[in-house]
C-alpha atoms as a PDB file:
ATOM      1  CA  UNK A   1      14.552  12.953   9.732  1.00  0.00           C
ATOM      2  CA  UNK A   2      13.726  15.691  12.200  1.00  0.00           C
ATOM      3  CA  UNK A   3      11.710  13.540  14.972  1.00  0.00           C
ATOM      4  CA  UNK A   4      10.064  15.264  18.454  1.00  0.00           C
ATOM      5  CA  UNK A   5       8.072  13.012  21.136  1.00  0.00           C
ATOM      6  CA  UNK A   6       4.725  14.126  19.460  1.00  0.00           C
ATOM      7  CA  UNK A   7       5.517  14.531  15.989  1.00  0.00           C
ATOM      8  CA  UNK A   8       7.945  13.481  12.890  1.00  0.00           C
ATOM      9  CA  UNK A   9       9.093  15.309   9.847  1.00  0.00           C
ATOM     10  CA  UNK A  10      10.525  13.869   7.151  1.00  0.00           C
ATOM     11  CA  UNK A  11      12.403  15.759   4.102  1.00  0.00           C
ATOM     12  CA  UNK A  12      11.585  15.337   0.474  1.00  0.00           C
ATOM     13  CA  UNK A  13      11.914  11.912  -1.302  1.00  0.00           C
ATOM     14  CA  UNK A  14      12.777  10.449   2.363  1.00  0.00           C
ATOM     15  CA  UNK A  15      12.041   7.090   2.868  1.00  0.00           C
ATOM     16  CA  UNK A  16       9.846   6.750   5.946  1.00  0.00           C
ATOM     17  CA  UNK A  17       9.267   2.872   6.357  1.00  0.00           C
ATOM     18  CA  UNK A  18       9.777  -0.038   4.027  1.00  0.00           C
ATOM     19  CA  UNK A  19       7.351  -3.204   3.337  1.00  0.00           C
ATOM     20  CA  UNK A  20       8.747  -6.217   5.666  1.00  0.00           C
ATOM     21  CA  UNK A  21       9.538  -3.594   8.574  1.00  0.00           C
ATOM     22  CA  UNK A  22       8.172  -3.712  11.986  1.00  0.00           C
ATOM     23  CA  UNK A  23       4.942  -1.170  12.651  1.00  0.00           C
ATOM     24  CA  UNK A  24       5.667   1.493  15.224  1.00  0.00           C
ATOM     25  CA  UNK A  25       3.166   3.949  15.588  1.00  0.00           C
ATOM     26  CA  UNK A  26       1.209   5.340  12.560  1.00  0.00           C
ATOM     27  CA  UNK A  27       0.899   8.347  11.669  1.00  0.00           C
ATOM     28  CA  UNK A  28      -1.342  11.504  10.549  1.00  0.00           C
ATOM     29  CA  UNK A  29      -0.108  13.532   7.705  1.00  0.00           C
ATOM     30  CA  UNK A  30      -0.554  17.186   8.751  1.00  0.00           C
ATOM     31  CA  UNK A  31       1.096  18.803   5.922  1.00  0.00           C
ATOM     32  CA  UNK A  32       3.210  17.748   2.469  1.00  0.00           C
ATOM     33  CA  UNK A  33       1.840  14.209   1.165  1.00  0.00           C
ATOM     34  CA  UNK A  34       3.152  10.441   0.777  1.00  0.00           C
ATOM     35  CA  UNK A  35       3.606   8.122  -1.540  1.00  0.00           C
ATOM     36  CA  UNK A  36       2.495   4.621  -0.262  1.00  0.00           C
ATOM     37  CA  UNK A  37       4.378   2.019  -2.534  1.00  0.00           C
ATOM     38  CA  UNK A  38       4.222  -1.983  -3.288  1.00  0.00           C
ATOM     39  CA  UNK A  39       7.627  -3.419  -2.772  1.00  0.00           C
ATOM     40  CA  UNK A  40       8.011  -3.469  -6.286  1.00  0.00           C
ATOM     41  CA  UNK A  41       7.965  -0.354  -6.573  1.00  0.00           C
ATOM     42  CA  UNK A  42       3.975  -0.119  -7.648  1.00  0.00           C
ATOM     43  CA  UNK A  43       2.995   3.554  -6.933  1.00  0.00           C
ATOM     44  CA  UNK A  44      -1.058   2.720  -4.926  1.00  0.00           C
ATOM     45  CA  UNK A  45      -2.062   5.731  -3.636  1.00  0.00           C
ATOM     46  CA  UNK A  46      -0.641   9.781  -2.805  1.00  0.00           C
ATOM     47  CA  UNK A  47      -1.989  10.461   0.412  1.00  0.00           C
ATOM     48  CA  UNK A  48      -2.210  13.823   1.565  1.00  0.00           C
ATOM     49  CA  UNK A  49      -3.251  16.309   4.907  1.00  0.00           C
ATOM     50  CA  UNK A  50      -5.598  14.412   7.673  1.00  0.00           C
ATOM     51  CA  UNK A  51      -5.211  10.888   5.907  1.00  0.00           C
ATOM     52  CA  UNK A  52      -3.554   7.942   8.456  1.00  0.00           C
ATOM     53  CA  UNK A  53      -0.862   5.872   7.087  1.00  0.00           C
ATOM     54  CA  UNK A  54       0.819   3.192   8.491  1.00  0.00           C
ATOM     55  CA  UNK A  55      -1.966   1.453  10.381  1.00  0.00           C
ATOM     56  CA  UNK A  56      -2.983  -1.480   8.964  1.00  0.00           C
ATOM     57  CA  UNK A  57       0.084  -3.382  10.263  1.00  0.00           C
ATOM     58  CA  UNK A  58      -0.623  -2.423  13.873  1.00  0.00           C
ATOM     59  CA  UNK A  59      -4.287  -2.801  13.001  1.00  0.00           C
ATOM     60  CA  UNK A  60      -3.087  -6.447  12.043  1.00  0.00           C
ATOM     61  CA  UNK A  61      -0.228  -7.280  13.742  1.00  0.00           C
ATOM     62  CA  UNK A  62       1.684  -7.769  10.709  1.00  0.00           C
ATOM     63  CA  UNK A  63       4.854  -6.448   8.930  1.00  0.00           C
ATOM     64  CA  UNK A  64       4.623  -3.559   7.190  1.00  0.00           C
ATOM     65  CA  UNK A  65       3.446  -4.569   3.540  1.00  0.00           C
ATOM     66  CA  UNK A  66       3.961  -1.656   1.560  1.00  0.00           C
ATOM     67  CA  UNK A  67       6.682   1.777   1.204  1.00  0.00           C
ATOM     68  CA  UNK A  68       5.923   4.726   2.073  1.00  0.00           C
ATOM     69  CA  UNK A  69       7.966   7.858   1.253  1.00  0.00           C
ATOM     70  CA  UNK A  70       8.091  11.572   1.235  1.00  0.00           C
ATOM     71  CA  UNK A  71       6.904  13.133  -2.042  1.00  0.00           C
ATOM     72  CA  UNK A  72       8.246  16.739  -3.122  1.00  0.00           C
ATOM     73  CA  UNK A  73       7.969  18.651   0.018  1.00  0.00           C
ATOM     74  CA  UNK A  74       8.415  17.420   3.237  1.00  0.00           C
ATOM     75  CA  UNK A  75       5.970  15.957   5.328  1.00  0.00           C
ATOM     76  CA  UNK A  76       5.181  17.123   8.982  1.00  0.00           C
ATOM     77  CA  UNK A  77       2.950  14.065  10.513  1.00  0.00           C
ATOM     78  CA  UNK A  78       1.487  13.208  13.727  1.00  0.00           C
ATOM     79  CA  UNK A  79       2.701  10.134  15.497  1.00  0.00           C
ATOM     80  CA  UNK A  80      -0.601   7.803  16.502  1.00  0.00           C
ATOM     81  CA  UNK A  81       1.348   5.747  19.158  1.00  0.00           C
ATOM     82  CA  UNK A  82       0.488   1.943  18.925  1.00  0.00           C
ATOM     83  CA  UNK A  83      -1.575   1.783  22.177  1.00  0.00           C
ATOM     84  CA  UNK A  84      -3.974   4.179  20.400  1.00  0.00           C
ATOM     85  CA  UNK A  85      -5.271   0.623  18.302  1.00  0.00           C
ATOM     86  CA  UNK A  86      -5.100  -1.460  20.953  1.00  0.00           C
ATOM     87  CA  UNK A  87      -7.426   0.761  22.724  1.00  0.00           C
ATOM     88  CA  UNK A  88      -9.724   0.880  19.923  1.00  0.00           C
ATOM     89  CA  UNK A  89      -9.330  -2.895  19.655  1.00  0.00           C
ATOM     90  CA  UNK A  90     -10.125  -4.118  22.970  1.00  0.00           C
ATOM     91  CA  UNK A  91     -12.880  -1.915  23.559  1.00  0.00           C
ATOM     92  CA  UNK A  92     -15.478  -1.855  20.704  1.00  0.00           C
ATOM     93  CA  UNK A  93     -15.497  -5.577  19.095  1.00  0.00           C
ATOM     94  CA  UNK A  94     -17.696  -4.578  16.024  1.00  0.00           C
ATOM     95  CA  UNK A  95     -15.857  -1.515  15.549  1.00  0.00           C
ATOM     96  CA  UNK A  96     -12.200  -3.655  15.317  1.00  0.00           C
ATOM     97  CA  UNK A  97     -14.101  -5.956  13.344  1.00  0.00           C
ATOM     98  CA  UNK A  98     -15.216  -3.967  10.648  1.00  0.00           C
ATOM     99  CA  UNK A  99     -11.706  -2.129  10.881  1.00  0.00           C
ATOM    100  CA  UNK A 100      -9.533  -5.479  10.516  1.00  0.00           C
ATOM    101  CA  UNK A 101     -11.695  -6.563   7.577  1.00  0.00           C
ATOM    102  CA  UNK A 102     -11.380  -3.098   5.568  1.00  0.00           C
ATOM    103  CA  UNK A 103      -7.750  -3.413   6.288  1.00  0.00           C
ATOM    104  CA  UNK A 104      -7.320  -7.209   4.866  1.00  0.00           C
ATOM    105  CA  UNK A 105      -9.714  -6.053   1.637  1.00  0.00           C
ATOM    106  CA  UNK A 106      -6.890  -3.304   1.384  1.00  0.00           C
ATOM    107  CA  UNK A 107      -4.119  -5.638   1.482  1.00  0.00           C
ATOM    108  CA  UNK A 108      -5.545  -7.919  -0.074  1.00  0.00           C
ATOM    109  CA  UNK A 109      -6.617  -4.820  -3.441  1.00  0.00           C
ATOM    110  CA  UNK A 110      -2.485  -3.532  -3.210  1.00  0.00           C
ATOM    111  CA  UNK A 111      -1.147  -7.868  -3.335  1.00  0.00           C
ATOM    112  CA  UNK A 112      -3.754  -7.766  -6.439  1.00  0.00           C
ATOM    113  CA  UNK A 113      -2.581  -4.814  -7.846  1.00  0.00           C
ATOM    114  CA  UNK A 114       0.724  -5.247  -7.842  1.00  0.00           C
ATOM    115  CA  UNK A 115       0.498  -8.702  -9.484  1.00  0.00           C
ATOM    116  CA  UNK A 116      -1.350  -7.079 -12.486  1.00  0.00           C
ATOM    117  CA  UNK A 117       1.346  -4.666 -12.762  1.00  0.00           C
ATOM    118  CA  UNK A 118       4.235  -7.819 -12.577  1.00  0.00           C
ATOM    119  CA  UNK A 119       1.982  -9.556 -15.280  1.00  0.00           C
ATOM    120  CA  UNK A 120       2.164  -6.675 -17.374  1.00  0.00           C
ATOM    121  CA  UNK A 121       5.082  -5.101 -17.031  1.00  0.00           C
ATOM    122  CA  UNK A 122       6.337  -8.658 -18.271  1.00  0.00           C
ATOM    123  CA  UNK A 123       4.404  -9.253 -21.061  1.00  0.00           C
ATOM    124  CA  UNK A 124       5.721  -6.021 -21.836  1.00  0.00           C
ATOM    125  CA  UNK A 125       9.450  -6.540 -21.931  1.00  0.00           C
ATOM    126  CA  UNK A 126       8.921  -9.920 -23.735  1.00  0.00           C
ATOM    127  CA  UNK A 127       7.011  -7.823 -26.188  1.00  0.00           C
ATOM    128  CA  UNK A 128       9.922  -5.659 -26.455  1.00  0.00           C
ATOM    129  CA  UNK A 129      12.598  -8.575 -26.804  1.00  0.00           C
ATOM    130  CA  UNK A 130      14.064  -9.696 -29.835  1.00  0.00           C
ATOM    131  CA  UNK A 131      12.163 -12.431 -30.169  1.00  0.00           C
ATOM    132  CA  UNK A 132       8.895 -11.974 -28.845  1.00  0.00           C
ATOM    133  CA  UNK A 133       5.769 -14.425 -28.205  1.00  0.00           C
ATOM    134  CA  UNK A 134       4.050 -15.829 -31.273  1.00  0.00           C
ATOM    135  CA  UNK A 135       0.706 -13.832 -31.469  1.00  0.00           C
ATOM    136  CA  UNK A 136      -1.621 -16.733 -30.490  1.00  0.00           C
ATOM    137  CA  UNK A 137       0.907 -16.535 -27.245  1.00  0.00           C
ATOM    138  CA  UNK A 138       0.210 -13.545 -26.710  1.00  0.00           C
ATOM    139  CA  UNK A 139      -3.418 -13.146 -26.807  1.00  0.00           C
ATOM    140  CA  UNK A 140      -3.529 -15.900 -24.403  1.00  0.00           C
ATOM    141  CA  UNK A 141      -1.243 -13.850 -22.114  1.00  0.00           C
ATOM    142  CA  UNK A 142      -3.686 -10.841 -22.768  1.00  0.00           C
ATOM    143  CA  UNK A 143      -6.883 -12.777 -22.364  1.00  0.00           C
ATOM    144  CA  UNK A 144      -5.128 -14.077 -19.138  1.00  0.00           C
ATOM    145  CA  UNK A 145      -4.861 -10.774 -17.591  1.00  0.00           C
ATOM    146  CA  UNK A 146      -8.262  -9.208 -19.243  1.00  0.00           C
ATOM    147  CA  UNK A 147      -9.459 -12.351 -16.877  1.00  0.00           C
ATOM    148  CA  UNK A 148      -7.461 -11.251 -13.792  1.00  0.00           C
ATOM    149  CA  UNK A 149      -8.776  -7.723 -13.711  1.00  0.00           C
ATOM    150  CA  UNK A 150     -12.457  -8.546 -13.974  1.00  0.00           C
ATOM    151  CA  UNK A 151     -12.308 -11.196 -11.370  1.00  0.00           C
ATOM    152  CA  UNK A 152     -11.176  -8.718  -9.526  1.00  0.00           C
ATOM    153  CA  UNK A 153     -13.728  -6.496 -10.509  1.00  0.00           C
ATOM    154  CA  UNK A 154     -16.579  -9.281  -9.089  1.00  0.00           C
ATOM    155  CA  UNK A 155     -15.038  -9.798  -6.546  1.00  0.00           C
ATOM    156  CA  UNK A 156     -15.453  -5.917  -5.369  1.00  0.00           C
ATOM    157  CA  UNK A 157     -19.012  -6.304  -6.112  1.00  0.00           C
ATOM    158  CA  UNK A 158     -19.417  -8.851  -3.774  1.00  0.00           C
END
């Protein structure tokens, strides 16, 4: 990582930050792509030029909830200091409430995606094991996953 006062450059595949780390700033991508992943390695998104990342933990005052990694080319980004977000939060209470609600929904969506991916992975591991689950147990597990997906879809429509 090459860090100067206002911007930063990460090499291809370089770790930018890990889930659980404390936020120092957010970033505006000027060049390259960044993968956003859950702590379990599930890829949630790929961000590119003109997109911001790292803002959620600053806005909600929580540790990082995802891991960010540079993709296969270098990433150049402008630093956005915490003070910028503090100014937004204190200067416009309505905008702050809208942003906060959106960020909470994003965190919840990421968590649900990760949980479903883990359930699917566990199920596939069991199917591929030497003693796969019985057909009725398999049907129950698949139905539970489908119900979880339907519940997520219903909650996203409200």
